[in-house]
Amino acid sequence: MAEFVLSSQDARVVVDAAHGGRLSSLDVFGHQLLVGGPGDPLAWGAYPMVPFAGRLRDGTLTFGGERYVVPTTMGPHAIHGYGFVTPWERIDESSIGFDFADPWPFGGRATQTFDLTDDRLRVEMTVDAADRQPICVGWHPWFRREIGIGAPLELDFDPAVMYAVDDEIPTGRQITPPPGPWDNCFAGLTDNPRLRWGALTVEISSTLDHWVVYDMPEHAVCVEPQSGPPNDLNDAPLIIEAGESFAASMTLRWSR
């Protein structure tokens, strides 16, 4: 099945394996929180970013003394890996997976598992490496500003630092975050991000320690946990050895 549904007393989640292994719907207390699709695969639902998150400068990766070139997908750069544009296969009632393939030059497999209870959704992603490789993973949720609740979205977000950028790529220099709007990567959060629509609150937590916030669109706000800043594969990559695994999780917890 291309889609499957998880339900609890207060929430209903639809996982769309065919459209990049993403959440195509997150309905909480009768309110749809995610931008709907299908459409531009970059711009709806809540999708996995794997085997890299954010922009990869000039679509070029240098690793192990070799230079690899992948297709550019956002101006001069590649962006957000290939999981979000690849069909995933159903593994069981709560898990999906896909095998790395061209144009990614390394072998591996990503798996996502979804666990829904009355007050939260936990998504876990595991990458199993067939070849030694650098990775940067995360999730990219598109939250609607208006959900029919009579109050627009407000974001509580308090990072210690922001990465300065050049041509939309972090330079490695960290600065004090200026006021938004943003399309930037942050670190050193003092608390978990919270999205508020009036009395409805969604708190996002993650085992990942970098966050990209994209709040420039009029209709949506993106709050994206990821394992490193954009282009991290060329700067200070997380490396998985052949036969090893890396696991990460994101939890959305709601209340009113």
Foldseek 3Di string as FASTA:
>chain_A
DQWDWDDEPFWIWIFGLAQLRFTQFIAGNNWTWWAHDDDPLVHTGKHKQPQEAAWAAQQWFQDPNDIAHADPDDVRTNHRHCSRRHRWADDDNFKTKDWDDPPPPFTWMKMWGWDDYNFKIKIKIKIAGQAKAFGKIKMKTWTWQDGPPPFGKDKDWAFQWWFDDDPRAGPPDTDGDDDDDFQTKGFHTPAFMWIDGDFKIKTKDKPATMWTWHDPDPTTIIIMGMNDGPNCSRPPTDIDHRRGMDMMMMMIGMDD
